[in-house]
Amino acid sequence: MPRIRQPVFPELEKQILMHGIKKKDIAVLLDISTHALSNKLTGRVDFTFSEIEKIAALFPDMHWEALFERTKNEQGDGNTPLNDD
C-alpha cells in the first residue's frame, strides 16, 4: 500500500485548492513543465525567488513566507537555499 506524503508546503497547497487554481496554470505562469512544478512542490527542487514572487502574487492577502513554510519534517536545519535567477 503506497504511503501518503504530507505536502511540503501545506499552506501553499491549501491556498491553491481554496482558490481553485490549477497547477498546470501555475506551471505556465512560471514557464516550466508540470513535472518541474511537481518536483518543486515536493521539495525535490527548490523554487527560485522569482518563482516565489510570481506565485505569491496569486495570493495577495498572504505573506510569501507563510505560503512557502515547509512542514516540520521537511524543514531540516532551516537553511533551505533558494536558487537565484
C-alpha atoms as a PDB file:
ATOM      1  CA  MET A   1       0.000   0.000   0.000  1.00  0.00           C
ATOM      2  CA  PRO A   2       1.533   3.358  -1.020  1.00  0.00           C
ATOM      3  CA  ARG A   3       2.490   5.771   1.698  1.00  0.00           C
ATOM      4  CA  ILE A   4       0.641   9.108   1.666  1.00  0.00           C
ATOM      5  CA  ARG A   5       3.034  12.040   1.982  1.00  0.00           C
ATOM      6  CA  GLN A   6       2.209  15.267   3.729  1.00  0.00           C
ATOM      7  CA  PRO A   7       2.609  18.296   1.482  1.00  0.00           C
ATOM      8  CA  VAL A   8       5.988  20.009   1.794  1.00  0.00           C
ATOM      9  CA  PHE A   9       4.294  23.426   1.539  1.00  0.00           C
ATOM     10  CA  PRO A  10       0.906  22.803   3.196  1.00  0.00           C
ATOM     11  CA  GLU A  11      -0.290  26.430   3.192  1.00  0.00           C
ATOM     12  CA  LEU A  12       0.547  26.854  -0.481  1.00  0.00           C
ATOM     13  CA  GLU A  13      -1.268  23.617  -1.348  1.00  0.00           C
ATOM     14  CA  LYS A  14      -4.246  24.751   0.746  1.00  0.00           C
ATOM     15  CA  GLN A  15      -4.427  28.154  -0.955  1.00  0.00           C
ATOM     16  CA  ILE A  16      -4.137  26.615  -4.427  1.00  0.00           C
ATOM     17  CA  LEU A  17      -7.048  24.331  -3.610  1.00  0.00           C
ATOM     18  CA  MET A  18      -9.153  27.038  -1.940  1.00  0.00           C
ATOM     19  CA  HIS A  19      -8.733  29.423  -4.879  1.00  0.00           C
ATOM     20  CA  GLY A  20      -9.405  26.720  -7.467  1.00  0.00           C
ATOM     21  CA  ILE A  21      -6.109  27.354  -9.223  1.00  0.00           C
ATOM     22  CA  LYS A  22      -4.856  24.567 -11.451  1.00  0.00           C
ATOM     23  CA  LYS A  23      -1.264  23.519 -11.008  1.00  0.00           C
ATOM     24  CA  LYS A  24      -0.982  23.451 -14.791  1.00  0.00           C
ATOM     25  CA  ASP A  25      -1.726  27.193 -14.772  1.00  0.00           C
ATOM     26  CA  ILE A  26       0.979  27.802 -12.168  1.00  0.00           C
ATOM     27  CA  ALA A  27       3.446  25.882 -14.330  1.00  0.00           C
ATOM     28  CA  VAL A  28       2.508  28.088 -17.296  1.00  0.00           C
ATOM     29  CA  LEU A  29       2.961  31.209 -15.143  1.00  0.00           C
ATOM     30  CA  LEU A  30       6.428  30.021 -14.150  1.00  0.00           C
ATOM     31  CA  ASP A  31       7.239  28.886 -17.705  1.00  0.00           C
ATOM     32  CA  ILE A  32       8.098  25.380 -16.522  1.00  0.00           C
ATOM     33  CA  SER A  33       6.603  21.935 -17.112  1.00  0.00           C
ATOM     34  CA  THR A  34       4.041  20.453 -14.752  1.00  0.00           C
ATOM     35  CA  HIS A  35       6.642  17.809 -13.904  1.00  0.00           C
ATOM     36  CA  ALA A  36       9.131  20.533 -12.898  1.00  0.00           C
ATOM     37  CA  LEU A  37       6.440  22.181 -10.758  1.00  0.00           C
ATOM     38  CA  SER A  38       5.721  18.842  -9.108  1.00  0.00           C
ATOM     39  CA  ASN A  39       9.413  18.478  -8.269  1.00  0.00           C
ATOM     40  CA  LYS A  40       9.356  21.907  -6.643  1.00  0.00           C
ATOM     41  CA  LEU A  41       6.140  21.282  -4.694  1.00  0.00           C
ATOM     42  CA  THR A  42       7.511  18.003  -3.357  1.00  0.00           C
ATOM     43  CA  GLY A  43      10.762  19.648  -2.271  1.00  0.00           C
ATOM     44  CA  ARG A  44      12.975  17.732  -4.705  1.00  0.00           C
ATOM     45  CA  VAL A  45      13.971  21.016  -6.381  1.00  0.00           C
ATOM     46  CA  ASP A  46      13.993  24.488  -4.815  1.00  0.00           C
ATOM     47  CA  PHE A  47      11.856  27.347  -6.078  1.00  0.00           C
ATOM     48  CA  THR A  48      13.760  30.368  -7.314  1.00  0.00           C
ATOM     49  CA  PHE A  49      12.980  33.675  -5.658  1.00  0.00           C
ATOM     50  CA  SER A  50      11.360  34.986  -8.851  1.00  0.00           C
ATOM     51  CA  GLU A  51       9.093  31.900  -8.897  1.00  0.00           C
ATOM     52  CA  ILE A  52       8.159  32.549  -5.283  1.00  0.00           C
ATOM     53  CA  GLU A  53       7.307  36.151  -6.161  1.00  0.00           C
ATOM     54  CA  LYS A  54       5.105  35.082  -9.078  1.00  0.00           C
ATOM     55  CA  ILE A  55       3.247  32.504  -7.004  1.00  0.00           C
ATOM     56  CA  ALA A  56       2.863  34.857  -4.036  1.00  0.00           C
ATOM     57  CA  ALA A  57       1.278  37.438  -6.363  1.00  0.00           C
ATOM     58  CA  LEU A  58      -1.599  34.974  -6.863  1.00  0.00           C
ATOM     59  CA  PHE A  59      -2.370  35.260  -3.142  1.00  0.00           C
ATOM     60  CA  PRO A  60      -2.027  38.972  -2.290  1.00  0.00           C
ATOM     61  CA  ASP A  61      -3.583  38.525   1.161  1.00  0.00           C
ATOM     62  CA  MET A  62      -0.854  36.098   2.221  1.00  0.00           C
ATOM     63  CA  HIS A  63       2.784  36.729   3.025  1.00  0.00           C
ATOM     64  CA  TRP A  64       5.130  34.662   0.870  1.00  0.00           C
ATOM     65  CA  GLU A  65       6.880  33.227   3.945  1.00  0.00           C
ATOM     66  CA  ALA A  66       3.593  31.722   5.148  1.00  0.00           C
ATOM     67  CA  LEU A  67       2.915  30.201   1.731  1.00  0.00           C
ATOM     68  CA  PHE A  68       6.345  28.614   1.496  1.00  0.00           C
ATOM     69  CA  GLU A  69       6.733  27.442   5.076  1.00  0.00           C
ATOM     70  CA  ARG A  70       7.767  23.805   4.991  1.00  0.00           C
ATOM     71  CA  THR A  71       6.194  21.065   7.068  1.00  0.00           C
ATOM     72  CA  LYS A  72       8.079  20.275  10.265  1.00  0.00           C
ATOM     73  CA  ASN A  73       9.579  17.052   8.908  1.00  0.00           C
ATOM     74  CA  GLU A  74      10.777  18.867   5.754  1.00  0.00           C
ATOM     75  CA  GLN A  75      12.398  21.849   7.464  1.00  0.00           C
ATOM     76  CA  GLY A  76      15.754  20.285   8.183  1.00  0.00           C
ATOM     77  CA  ASP A  77      18.125  22.814   9.691  1.00  0.00           C
ATOM     78  CA  GLY A  78      16.115  25.821   8.492  1.00  0.00           C
ATOM     79  CA  ASN A  79      18.754  26.752   5.935  1.00  0.00           C
ATOM     80  CA  THR A  80      16.846  25.926   2.772  1.00  0.00           C
ATOM     81  CA  PRO A  81      18.639  27.727  -0.064  1.00  0.00           C
ATOM     82  CA  LEU A  82      16.822  29.459  -2.860  1.00  0.00           C
ATOM     83  CA  ASN A  83      18.168  29.467  -6.376  1.00  0.00           C
ATOM     84  CA  ASP A  84      18.793  32.950  -7.745  1.00  0.00           C
ATOM     85  CA  ASP A  85      17.728  33.784 -11.286  1.00  0.00           C
END
